[in-house]
Amino acid sequence: MTKGRDEIIQNRKRLKRQFGLLFTEVEQILFKHDPIGIAYVDDEYSPEVGTILPRLGDANTATDVTDIVYEEFVRWFDDEKTVGPKAKYHALSADIWAAWNRFKSEQH
């Protein structure tokens, strides 16, 4: 494995410890909605989850989550045409927002 790949794997393990079941739940939400059409394997959206979750603390609304998710997908796929319109991300962002709020309430 390359150093970059090792770092990605270690970071993903750290995020799974930090966020617990939320990591899996957000991964499942992305898989269910499959905005890019790549949900052939259960963990296909793991990298995106790894960059979305750390940013959710900055979100105050589901709209903020839509912005975060869309920005991360554009970053990961480097092509707005592949990512599609931001409106396509509203439903999955609402699901992530609900999961995030459950996670936060369980932490207190």
PDB file of N, CA and C in Angstrom:
ATOM      1  N   MET A   1       0.839  -1.196   0.000  1.00  0.00           N
ATOM      2  CA  MET A   1       0.000   0.000   0.000  1.00  0.00           C
ATOM      3  C   MET A   1       0.872   1.243   0.000  1.00  0.00           C
ATOM      4  N   THR A   2       0.385   2.256  -0.636  1.00  0.00           N
ATOM      5  CA  THR A   2       1.119   3.512  -0.650  1.00  0.00           C
ATOM      6  C   THR A   2       0.831   4.288   0.624  1.00  0.00           C
ATOM      7  N   LYS A   3       1.669   5.249   0.914  1.00  0.00           N
ATOM      8  CA  LYS A   3       1.468   6.069   2.095  1.00  0.00           C
ATOM      9  C   LYS A   3       0.114   6.781   2.040  1.00  0.00           C
ATOM     10  N   GLY A   4      -0.250   7.304   0.880  1.00  0.00           N
ATOM     11  CA  GLY A   4      -1.528   7.987   0.737  1.00  0.00           C
ATOM     12  C   GLY A   4      -2.697   7.072   1.033  1.00  0.00           C
ATOM     13  N   ARG A   5      -2.645   5.857   0.530  1.00  0.00           N
ATOM     14  CA  ARG A   5      -3.716   4.885   0.775  1.00  0.00           C
ATOM     15  C   ARG A   5      -3.765   4.520   2.254  1.00  0.00           C
ATOM     16  N   ASP A   6      -2.606   4.321   2.874  1.00  0.00           N
ATOM     17  CA  ASP A   6      -2.562   4.017   4.315  1.00  0.00           C
ATOM     18  C   ASP A   6      -3.204   5.133   5.126  1.00  0.00           C
ATOM     19  N   GLU A   7      -2.907   6.369   4.757  1.00  0.00           N
ATOM     20  CA  GLU A   7      -3.489   7.516   5.464  1.00  0.00           C
ATOM     21  C   GLU A   7      -4.998   7.552   5.309  1.00  0.00           C
ATOM     22  N   ILE A   8      -5.484   7.264   4.115  1.00  0.00           N
ATOM     23  CA  ILE A   8      -6.928   7.254   3.864  1.00  0.00           C
ATOM     24  C   ILE A   8      -7.595   6.179   4.713  1.00  0.00           C
ATOM     25  N   ILE A   9      -7.000   5.001   4.758  1.00  0.00           N
ATOM     26  CA  ILE A   9      -7.565   3.902   5.551  1.00  0.00           C
ATOM     27  C   ILE A   9      -7.562   4.246   7.031  1.00  0.00           C
ATOM     28  N   GLN A  10      -6.473   4.802   7.527  1.00  0.00           N
ATOM     29  CA  GLN A  10      -6.396   5.184   8.934  1.00  0.00           C
ATOM     30  C   GLN A  10      -7.395   6.279   9.276  1.00  0.00           C
ATOM     31  N   ASN A  11      -7.536   7.236   8.375  1.00  0.00           N
ATOM     32  CA  ASN A  11      -8.501   8.318   8.591  1.00  0.00           C
ATOM     33  C   ASN A  11      -9.920   7.767   8.631  1.00  0.00           C
ATOM     34  N   ARG A  12     -10.235   6.854   7.744  1.00  0.00           N
ATOM     35  CA  ARG A  12     -11.566   6.250   7.714  1.00  0.00           C
ATOM     36  C   ARG A  12     -11.836   5.470   9.006  1.00  0.00           C
ATOM     37  N   LYS A  13     -10.846   4.749   9.502  1.00  0.00           N
ATOM     38  CA  LYS A  13     -10.995   4.009  10.768  1.00  0.00           C
ATOM     39  C   LYS A  13     -11.235   4.981  11.920  1.00  0.00           C
ATOM     40  N   ARG A  14     -10.501   6.084  11.927  1.00  0.00           N
ATOM     41  CA  ARG A  14     -10.660   7.091  12.981  1.00  0.00           C
ATOM     42  C   ARG A  14     -12.068   7.680  12.942  1.00  0.00           C
ATOM     43  N   LEU A  15     -12.548   8.000  11.750  1.00  0.00           N
ATOM     44  CA  LEU A  15     -13.898   8.568  11.617  1.00  0.00           C
ATOM     45  C   LEU A  15     -14.968   7.562  12.039  1.00  0.00           C
ATOM     46  N   LYS A  16     -14.767   6.292  11.721  1.00  0.00           N
ATOM     47  CA  LYS A  16     -15.729   5.272  12.134  1.00  0.00           C
ATOM     48  C   LYS A  16     -15.767   5.152  13.656  1.00  0.00           C
ATOM     49  N   ARG A  17     -14.608   5.282  14.306  1.00  0.00           N
ATOM     50  CA  ARG A  17     -14.593   5.282  15.790  1.00  0.00           C
ATOM     51  C   ARG A  17     -15.275   6.534  16.329  1.00  0.00           C
ATOM     52  N   GLN A  18     -14.978   7.671  15.738  1.00  0.00           N
ATOM     53  CA  GLN A  18     -15.515   8.944  16.213  1.00  0.00           C
ATOM     54  C   GLN A  18     -17.027   9.030  16.033  1.00  0.00           C
ATOM     55  N   PHE A  19     -17.514   8.616  14.877  1.00  0.00           N
ATOM     56  CA  PHE A  19     -18.930   8.793  14.562  1.00  0.00           C
ATOM     57  C   PHE A  19     -19.759   7.519  14.722  1.00  0.00           C
ATOM     58  N   GLY A  20     -19.104   6.407  14.933  1.00  0.00           N
ATOM     59  CA  GLY A  20     -19.811   5.159  15.173  1.00  0.00           C
ATOM     60  C   GLY A  20     -20.784   4.805  14.064  1.00  0.00           C
ATOM     61  N   LEU A  21     -22.005   4.484  14.472  1.00  0.00           N
ATOM     62  CA  LEU A  21     -23.022   4.039  13.516  1.00  0.00           C
ATOM     63  C   LEU A  21     -23.434   5.125  12.531  1.00  0.00           C
ATOM     64  N   LEU A  22     -23.191   6.393  12.871  1.00  0.00           N
ATOM     65  CA  LEU A  22     -23.537   7.475  11.953  1.00  0.00           C
ATOM     66  C   LEU A  22     -22.782   7.319  10.630  1.00  0.00           C
ATOM     67  N   PHE A  23     -21.531   6.887  10.702  1.00  0.00           N
ATOM     68  CA  PHE A  23     -20.752   6.688   9.483  1.00  0.00           C
ATOM     69  C   PHE A  23     -21.481   5.714   8.566  1.00  0.00           C
ATOM     70  N   THR A  24     -21.877   4.577   9.131  1.00  0.00           N
ATOM     71  CA  THR A  24     -22.578   3.557   8.354  1.00  0.00           C
ATOM     72  C   THR A  24     -23.931   4.055   7.866  1.00  0.00           C
ATOM     73  N   GLU A  25     -24.644   4.788   8.724  1.00  0.00           N
ATOM     74  CA  GLU A  25     -25.962   5.288   8.336  1.00  0.00           C
ATOM     75  C   GLU A  25     -25.861   6.266   7.162  1.00  0.00           C
ATOM     76  N   VAL A  26     -24.906   7.181   7.208  1.00  0.00           N
ATOM     77  CA  VAL A  26     -24.743   8.141   6.108  1.00  0.00           C
ATOM     78  C   VAL A  26     -24.299   7.413   4.845  1.00  0.00           C
ATOM     79  N   GLU A  27     -23.445   6.436   4.998  1.00  0.00           N
ATOM     80  CA  GLU A  27     -23.026   5.626   3.857  1.00  0.00           C
ATOM     81  C   GLU A  27     -24.244   4.938   3.220  1.00  0.00           C
ATOM     82  N   GLN A  28     -25.132   4.404   4.053  1.00  0.00           N
ATOM     83  CA  GLN A  28     -26.341   3.746   3.549  1.00  0.00           C
ATOM     84  C   GLN A  28     -27.291   4.741   2.879  1.00  0.00           C
ATOM     85  N   ILE A  29     -27.371   5.943   3.428  1.00  0.00           N
ATOM     86  CA  ILE A  29     -28.212   6.980   2.811  1.00  0.00           C
ATOM     87  C   ILE A  29     -27.705   7.303   1.410  1.00  0.00           C
ATOM     88  N   LEU A  30     -26.392   7.479   1.281  1.00  0.00           N
ATOM     89  CA  LEU A  30     -25.821   7.774  -0.036  1.00  0.00           C
ATOM     90  C   LEU A  30     -26.023   6.597  -0.983  1.00  0.00           C
ATOM     91  N   PHE A  31     -25.857   5.391  -0.478  1.00  0.00           N
ATOM     92  CA  PHE A  31     -26.063   4.196  -1.302  1.00  0.00           C
ATOM     93  C   PHE A  31     -27.512   4.115  -1.775  1.00  0.00           C
ATOM     94  N   LYS A  32     -28.451   4.381  -0.863  1.00  0.00           N
ATOM     95  CA  LYS A  32     -29.877   4.306  -1.194  1.00  0.00           C
ATOM     96  C   LYS A  32     -30.248   5.329  -2.270  1.00  0.00           C
ATOM     97  N   HIS A  33     -29.801   6.558  -2.101  1.00  0.00           N
ATOM     98  CA  HIS A  33     -30.139   7.615  -3.057  1.00  0.00           C
ATOM     99  C   HIS A  33     -29.271   7.536  -4.321  1.00  0.00           C
ATOM    100  N   ASP A  34     -28.047   7.039  -4.165  1.00  0.00           N
ATOM    101  CA  ASP A  34     -27.106   6.822  -5.258  1.00  0.00           C
ATOM    102  C   ASP A  34     -27.096   7.965  -6.285  1.00  0.00           C
ATOM    103  N   PRO A  35     -26.712   9.171  -5.860  1.00  0.00           N
ATOM    104  CA  PRO A  35     -26.801  10.327  -6.759  1.00  0.00           C
ATOM    105  C   PRO A  35     -25.891  10.263  -7.989  1.00  0.00           C
ATOM    106  N   ILE A  36     -24.852   9.458  -7.930  1.00  0.00           N
ATOM    107  CA  ILE A  36     -23.911   9.372  -9.049  1.00  0.00           C
ATOM    108  C   ILE A  36     -24.149   8.102  -9.874  1.00  0.00           C
ATOM    109  N   GLY A  37     -24.892   7.163  -9.316  1.00  0.00           N
ATOM    110  CA  GLY A  37     -25.136   5.912 -10.029  1.00  0.00           C
ATOM    111  C   GLY A  37     -23.983   4.938  -9.941  1.00  0.00           C
ATOM    112  N   ILE A  38     -23.323   4.889  -8.776  1.00  0.00           N
ATOM    113  CA  ILE A  38     -22.160   4.003  -8.603  1.00  0.00           C
ATOM    114  C   ILE A  38     -22.359   3.000  -7.469  1.00  0.00           C
ATOM    115  N   ALA A  39     -23.555   2.829  -6.995  1.00  0.00           N
ATOM    116  CA  ALA A  39     -23.802   1.979  -5.825  1.00  0.00           C
ATOM    117  C   ALA A  39     -23.832   0.502  -6.210  1.00  0.00           C
ATOM    118  N   TYR A  40     -22.673  -0.007  -6.588  1.00  0.00           N
ATOM    119  CA  TYR A  40     -22.564  -1.429  -6.921  1.00  0.00           C
ATOM    120  C   TYR A  40     -22.077  -2.226  -5.725  1.00  0.00           C
ATOM    121  N   VAL A  41     -21.325  -1.573  -4.849  1.00  0.00           N
ATOM    122  CA  VAL A  41     -20.754  -2.194  -3.661  1.00  0.00           C
ATOM    123  C   VAL A  41     -21.166  -1.346  -2.469  1.00  0.00           C
ATOM    124  N   ASP A  42     -21.464  -1.995  -1.341  1.00  0.00           N
ATOM    125  CA  ASP A  42     -21.974  -1.284  -0.167  1.00  0.00           C
ATOM    126  C   ASP A  42     -21.138  -0.096   0.285  1.00  0.00           C
ATOM    127  N   ASP A  43     -19.821  -0.185   0.193  1.00  0.00           N
ATOM    128  CA  ASP A  43     -18.982   0.900   0.712  1.00  0.00           C
ATOM    129  C   ASP A  43     -18.482   1.842  -0.372  1.00  0.00           C
ATOM    130  N   GLU A  44     -19.152   1.871  -1.501  1.00  0.00           N
ATOM    131  CA  GLU A  44     -18.726   2.699  -2.628  1.00  0.00           C
ATOM    132  C   GLU A  44     -18.652   4.184  -2.261  1.00  0.00           C
ATOM    133  N   TYR A  45     -19.503   4.626  -1.343  1.00  0.00           N
ATOM    134  CA  TYR A  45     -19.536   6.043  -0.966  1.00  0.00           C
ATOM    135  C   TYR A  45     -18.747   6.341   0.314  1.00  0.00           C
ATOM    136  N   SER A  46     -17.951   5.397   0.785  1.00  0.00           N
ATOM    137  CA  SER A  46     -17.152   5.617   1.998  1.00  0.00           C
ATOM    138  C   SER A  46     -16.253   6.850   1.935  1.00  0.00           C
ATOM    139  N   PRO A  47     -15.531   7.060   0.835  1.00  0.00           N
ATOM    140  CA  PRO A  47     -14.654   8.237   0.799  1.00  0.00           C
ATOM    141  C   PRO A  47     -15.425   9.550   0.983  1.00  0.00           C
ATOM    142  N   GLU A  48     -16.589   9.627   0.346  1.00  0.00           N
ATOM    143  CA  GLU A  48     -17.388  10.858   0.458  1.00  0.00           C
ATOM    144  C   GLU A  48     -17.903  11.036   1.888  1.00  0.00           C
ATOM    145  N   VAL A  49     -18.321   9.947   2.505  1.00  0.00           N
ATOM    146  CA  VAL A  49     -18.779  10.025   3.901  1.00  0.00           C
ATOM    147  C   VAL A  49     -17.653  10.556   4.775  1.00  0.00           C
ATOM    148  N   GLY A  50     -16.444  10.109   4.489  1.00  0.00           N
ATOM    149  CA  GLY A  50     -15.282  10.533   5.263  1.00  0.00           C
ATOM    150  C   GLY A  50     -14.982  12.016   5.193  1.00  0.00           C
ATOM    151  N   THR A  51     -15.463  12.691   4.153  1.00  0.00           N
ATOM    152  CA  THR A  51     -15.247  14.135   4.076  1.00  0.00           C
ATOM    153  C   THR A  51     -16.512  14.927   4.405  1.00  0.00           C
ATOM    154  N   ILE A  52     -17.658  14.277   4.331  1.00  0.00           N
ATOM    155  CA  ILE A  52     -18.917  14.938   4.690  1.00  0.00           C
ATOM    156  C   ILE A  52     -19.065  15.025   6.207  1.00  0.00           C
ATOM    157  N   LEU A  53     -18.862  13.916   6.908  1.00  0.00           N
ATOM    158  CA  LEU A  53     -19.104  13.886   8.358  1.00  0.00           C
ATOM    159  C   LEU A  53     -18.358  14.965   9.141  1.00  0.00           C
ATOM    160  N   PRO A  54     -17.069  15.171   8.899  1.00  0.00           N
ATOM    161  CA  PRO A  54     -16.375  16.202   9.679  1.00  0.00           C
ATOM    162  C   PRO A  54     -16.928  17.610   9.478  1.00  0.00           C
ATOM    163  N   ARG A  55     -17.645  17.827   8.398  1.00  0.00           N
ATOM    164  CA  ARG A  55     -18.189  19.155   8.105  1.00  0.00           C
ATOM    165  C   ARG A  55     -19.593  19.370   8.664  1.00  0.00           C
ATOM    166  N   LEU A  56     -20.259  18.308   9.110  1.00  0.00           N
ATOM    167  CA  LEU A  56     -21.644  18.445   9.558  1.00  0.00           C
ATOM    168  C   LEU A  56     -21.785  19.328  10.796  1.00  0.00           C
ATOM    169  N   GLY A  57     -20.753  19.449  11.579  1.00  0.00           N
ATOM    170  CA  GLY A  57     -20.798  20.328  12.751  1.00  0.00           C
ATOM    171  C   GLY A  57     -21.020  21.784  12.388  1.00  0.00           C
ATOM    172  N   ASP A  58     -20.736  22.136  11.147  1.00  0.00           N
ATOM    173  CA  ASP A  58     -20.942  23.513  10.672  1.00  0.00           C
ATOM    174  C   ASP A  58     -22.343  23.741  10.124  1.00  0.00           C
ATOM    175  N   ALA A  59     -23.129  22.663  10.004  1.00  0.00           N
ATOM    176  CA  ALA A  59     -24.469  22.771   9.411  1.00  0.00           C
ATOM    177  C   ALA A  59     -25.500  23.181  10.463  1.00  0.00           C
ATOM    178  N   ASN A  60     -26.372  24.081  10.062  1.00  0.00           N
ATOM    179  CA  ASN A  60     -27.473  24.513  10.924  1.00  0.00           C
ATOM    180  C   ASN A  60     -28.834  24.110  10.370  1.00  0.00           C
ATOM    181  N   THR A  61     -28.865  23.685   9.118  1.00  0.00           N
ATOM    182  CA  THR A  61     -30.115  23.306   8.455  1.00  0.00           C
ATOM    183  C   THR A  61     -29.831  22.199   7.447  1.00  0.00           C
ATOM    184  N   ALA A  62     -30.908  21.581   6.961  1.00  0.00           N
ATOM    185  CA  ALA A  62     -30.765  20.588   5.895  1.00  0.00           C
ATOM    186  C   ALA A  62     -30.200  21.235   4.630  1.00  0.00           C
ATOM    187  N   THR A  63     -30.498  22.502   4.408  1.00  0.00           N
ATOM    188  CA  THR A  63     -29.951  23.221   3.251  1.00  0.00           C
ATOM    189  C   THR A  63     -28.437  23.323   3.355  1.00  0.00           C
ATOM    190  N   ASP A  64     -27.944  23.566   4.564  1.00  0.00           N
ATOM    191  CA  ASP A  64     -26.489  23.583   4.771  1.00  0.00           C
ATOM    192  C   ASP A  64     -25.889  22.225   4.431  1.00  0.00           C
ATOM    193  N   VAL A  65     -26.586  21.160   4.811  1.00  0.00           N
ATOM    194  CA  VAL A  65     -26.102  19.810   4.504  1.00  0.00           C
ATOM    195  C   VAL A  65     -26.077  19.600   2.989  1.00  0.00           C
ATOM    196  N   THR A  66     -27.094  20.084   2.301  1.00  0.00           N
ATOM    197  CA  THR A  66     -27.106  19.985   0.839  1.00  0.00           C
ATOM    198  C   THR A  66     -25.874  20.665   0.254  1.00  0.00           C
ATOM    199  N   ASP A  67     -25.563  21.846   0.756  1.00  0.00           N
ATOM    200  CA  ASP A  67     -24.373  22.562   0.265  1.00  0.00           C
ATOM    201  C   ASP A  67     -23.108  21.748   0.520  1.00  0.00           C
ATOM    202  N   ILE A  68     -22.987  21.185   1.728  1.00  0.00           N
ATOM    203  CA  ILE A  68     -21.802  20.390   2.085  1.00  0.00           C
ATOM    204  C   ILE A  68     -21.693  19.163   1.184  1.00  0.00           C
ATOM    205  N   VAL A  69     -22.781  18.416   1.077  1.00  0.00           N
ATOM    206  CA  VAL A  69     -22.764  17.190   0.278  1.00  0.00           C
ATOM    207  C   VAL A  69     -22.440  17.510  -1.176  1.00  0.00           C
ATOM    208  N   TYR A  70     -23.074  18.523  -1.713  1.00  0.00           N
ATOM    209  CA  TYR A  70     -22.835  18.893  -3.109  1.00  0.00           C
ATOM    210  C   TYR A  70     -21.373  19.300  -3.321  1.00  0.00           C
ATOM    211  N   GLU A  71     -20.852  20.130  -2.427  1.00  0.00           N
ATOM    212  CA  GLU A  71     -19.453  20.560  -2.545  1.00  0.00           C
ATOM    213  C   GLU A  71     -18.508  19.370  -2.497  1.00  0.00           C
ATOM    214  N   GLU A  72     -18.780  18.432  -1.610  1.00  0.00           N
ATOM    215  CA  GLU A  72     -17.910  17.259  -1.500  1.00  0.00           C
ATOM    216  C   GLU A  72     -18.001  16.373  -2.744  1.00  0.00           C
ATOM    217  N   PHE A  73     -19.192  16.215  -3.289  1.00  0.00           N
ATOM    218  CA  PHE A  73     -19.327  15.413  -4.498  1.00  0.00           C
ATOM    219  C   PHE A  73     -18.624  16.073  -5.673  1.00  0.00           C
ATOM    220  N   VAL A  74     -18.730  17.371  -5.798  1.00  0.00           N
ATOM    221  CA  VAL A  74     -18.016  18.073  -6.867  1.00  0.00           C
ATOM    222  C   VAL A  74     -16.512  17.906  -6.675  1.00  0.00           C
ATOM    223  N   ARG A  75     -16.060  17.989  -5.431  1.00  0.00           N
ATOM    224  CA  ARG A  75     -14.627  17.806  -5.147  1.00  0.00           C
ATOM    225  C   ARG A  75     -14.174  16.390  -5.503  1.00  0.00           C
ATOM    226  N   TRP A  76     -14.944  15.402  -5.094  1.00  0.00           N
ATOM    227  CA  TRP A  76     -14.556  14.011  -5.333  1.00  0.00           C
ATOM    228  C   TRP A  76     -14.632  13.627  -6.807  1.00  0.00           C
ATOM    229  N   PHE A  77     -15.657  14.098  -7.484  1.00  0.00           N
ATOM    230  CA  PHE A  77     -15.863  13.661  -8.864  1.00  0.00           C
ATOM    231  C   PHE A  77     -15.356  14.668  -9.884  1.00  0.00           C
ATOM    232  N   ASP A  78     -14.965  15.851  -9.400  1.00  0.00           N
ATOM    233  CA  ASP A  78     -14.289  16.851 -10.225  1.00  0.00           C
ATOM    234  C   ASP A  78     -15.033  17.172 -11.515  1.00  0.00           C
ATOM    235  N   ASP A  79     -16.369  17.077 -11.461  1.00  0.00           N
ATOM    236  CA  ASP A  79     -17.134  17.317 -12.673  1.00  0.00           C
ATOM    237  C   ASP A  79     -18.589  17.583 -12.292  1.00  0.00           C
ATOM    238  N   GLU A  80     -19.021  18.814 -12.415  1.00  0.00           N
ATOM    239  CA  GLU A  80     -20.400  19.157 -12.056  1.00  0.00           C
ATOM    240  C   GLU A  80     -21.416  18.443 -12.944  1.00  0.00           C
ATOM    241  N   LYS A  81     -21.026  18.099 -14.153  1.00  0.00           N
ATOM    242  CA  LYS A  81     -21.938  17.377 -15.040  1.00  0.00           C
ATOM    243  C   LYS A  81     -22.224  15.983 -14.477  1.00  0.00           C
ATOM    244  N   THR A  82     -21.203  15.302 -13.989  1.00  0.00           N
ATOM    245  CA  THR A  82     -21.370  13.982 -13.375  1.00  0.00           C
ATOM    246  C   THR A  82     -22.187  14.090 -12.097  1.00  0.00           C
ATOM    247  N   VAL A  83     -21.907  15.109 -11.310  1.00  0.00           N
ATOM    248  CA  VAL A  83     -22.579  15.304 -10.024  1.00  0.00           C
ATOM    249  C   VAL A  83     -24.041  15.684 -10.222  1.00  0.00           C
ATOM    250  N   GLY A  84     -24.317  16.439 -11.244  1.00  0.00           N
ATOM    251  CA  GLY A  84     -25.683  16.848 -11.526  1.00  0.00           C
ATOM    252  C   GLY A  84     -26.086  18.072 -10.728  1.00  0.00           C
ATOM    253  N   PRO A  85     -27.354  18.442 -10.827  1.00  0.00           N
ATOM    254  CA  PRO A  85     -27.828  19.652 -10.148  1.00  0.00           C
ATOM    255  C   PRO A  85     -27.919  19.464  -8.627  1.00  0.00           C
ATOM    256  N   LYS A  86     -27.715  20.555  -7.936  1.00  0.00           N
ATOM    257  CA  LYS A  86     -27.762  20.525  -6.471  1.00  0.00           C
ATOM    258  C   LYS A  86     -29.122  20.044  -5.967  1.00  0.00           C
ATOM    259  N   ALA A  87     -30.185  20.347  -6.682  1.00  0.00           N
ATOM    260  CA  ALA A  87     -31.530  19.940  -6.259  1.00  0.00           C
ATOM    261  C   ALA A  87     -31.641  18.422  -6.110  1.00  0.00           C
ATOM    262  N   LYS A  88     -30.855  17.689  -6.846  1.00  0.00           N
ATOM    263  CA  LYS A  88     -30.862  16.227  -6.772  1.00  0.00           C
ATOM    264  C   LYS A  88     -30.417  15.726  -5.399  1.00  0.00           C
ATOM    265  N   TYR A  89     -29.793  16.595  -4.610  1.00  0.00           N
ATOM    266  CA  TYR A  89     -29.216  16.209  -3.319  1.00  0.00           C
ATOM    267  C   TYR A  89     -30.094  16.593  -2.126  1.00  0.00           C
ATOM    268  N   HIS A  90     -31.238  17.235  -2.385  1.00  0.00           N
ATOM    269  CA  HIS A  90     -32.096  17.685  -1.282  1.00  0.00           C
ATOM    270  C   HIS A  90     -32.616  16.533  -0.428  1.00  0.00           C
ATOM    271  N   ALA A  91     -33.157  15.503  -1.032  1.00  0.00           N
ATOM    272  CA  ALA A  91     -33.753  14.403  -0.264  1.00  0.00           C
ATOM    273  C   ALA A  91     -32.706  13.651   0.549  1.00  0.00           C
ATOM    274  N   LEU A  92     -31.586  13.342  -0.058  1.00  0.00           N
ATOM    275  CA  LEU A  92     -30.565  12.621   0.700  1.00  0.00           C
ATOM    276  C   LEU A  92     -29.977  13.495   1.796  1.00  0.00           C
ATOM    277  N   SER A  93     -29.882  14.790   1.562  1.00  0.00           N
ATOM    278  CA  SER A  93     -29.384  15.704   2.593  1.00  0.00           C
ATOM    279  C   SER A  93     -30.354  15.814   3.755  1.00  0.00           C
ATOM    280  N   ALA A  94     -31.645  15.775   3.468  1.00  0.00           N
ATOM    281  CA  ALA A  94     -32.642  15.776   4.547  1.00  0.00           C
ATOM    282  C   ALA A  94     -32.488  14.522   5.395  1.00  0.00           C
ATOM    283  N   ASP A  95     -32.222  13.381   4.754  1.00  0.00           N
ATOM    284  CA  ASP A  95     -31.992  12.139   5.499  1.00  0.00           C
ATOM    285  C   ASP A  95     -30.720  12.227   6.341  1.00  0.00           C
ATOM    286  N   ILE A  96     -29.663  12.787   5.779  1.00  0.00           N
ATOM    287  CA  ILE A  96     -28.415  12.952   6.533  1.00  0.00           C
ATOM    288  C   ILE A  96     -28.625  13.914   7.693  1.00  0.00           C
ATOM    289  N   TRP A  97     -29.355  15.000   7.472  1.00  0.00           N
ATOM    290  CA  TRP A  97     -29.649  15.977   8.516  1.00  0.00           C
ATOM    291  C   TRP A  97     -30.390  15.306   9.681  1.00  0.00           C
ATOM    292  N   ALA A  98     -31.364  14.466   9.360  1.00  0.00           N
ATOM    293  CA  ALA A  98     -32.116  13.749  10.403  1.00  0.00           C
ATOM    294  C   ALA A  98     -31.187  12.800  11.167  1.00  0.00           C
ATOM    295  N   ALA A  99     -30.336  12.087  10.453  1.00  0.00           N
ATOM    296  CA  ALA A  99     -29.390  11.167  11.101  1.00  0.00           C
ATOM    297  C   ALA A  99     -28.416  11.938  11.982  1.00  0.00           C
ATOM    298  N   TRP A 100     -27.934  13.072  11.500  1.00  0.00           N
ATOM    299  CA  TRP A 100     -27.004  13.917  12.257  1.00  0.00           C
ATOM    300  C   TRP A 100     -27.658  14.406  13.554  1.00  0.00           C
ATOM    301  N   ASN A 101     -28.902  14.840  13.466  1.00  0.00           N
ATOM    302  CA  ASN A 101     -29.597  15.324  14.661  1.00  0.00           C
ATOM    303  C   ASN A 101     -29.834  14.216  15.674  1.00  0.00           C
ATOM    304  N   ARG A 102     -30.142  13.003  15.205  1.00  0.00           N
ATOM    305  CA  ARG A 102     -30.269  11.859  16.122  1.00  0.00           C
ATOM    306  C   ARG A 102     -28.928  11.589  16.794  1.00  0.00           C
ATOM    307  N   PHE A 103     -27.874  11.607  16.024  1.00  0.00           N
ATOM    308  CA  PHE A 103     -26.524  11.376  16.542  1.00  0.00           C
ATOM    309  C   PHE A 103     -26.174  12.401  17.621  1.00  0.00           C
ATOM    310  N   LYS A 104     -26.429  13.677  17.330  1.00  0.00           N
ATOM    311  CA  LYS A 104     -26.120  14.734  18.301  1.00  0.00           C
ATOM    312  C   LYS A 104     -26.934  14.565  19.573  1.00  0.00           C
ATOM    313  N   SER A 105     -28.203  14.211  19.459  1.00  0.00           N
ATOM    314  CA  SER A 105     -29.050  14.077  20.654  1.00  0.00           C
ATOM    315  C   SER A 105     -28.601  12.880  21.492  1.00  0.00           C
ATOM    316  N   GLU A 106     -28.062  11.842  20.864  1.00  0.00           N
ATOM    317  CA  GLU A 106     -27.567  10.684  21.602  1.00  0.00           C
ATOM    318  C   GLU A 106     -26.257  10.970  22.307  1.00  0.00           C
ATOM    319  N   GLN A 107     -25.549  12.002  21.867  1.00  0.00           N
ATOM    320  CA  GLN A 107     -24.255  12.353  22.466  1.00  0.00           C
ATOM    321  C   GLN A 107     -24.430  13.120  23.777  1.00  0.00           C
ATOM    322  N   HIS A 108     -25.608  13.664  23.998  1.00  0.00           N
ATOM    323  CA  HIS A 108     -25.838  14.487  25.208  1.00  0.00           C
ATOM    324  C   HIS A 108     -26.582  13.752  26.252  1.00  0.00           C
TER     325      HIS A 108
END
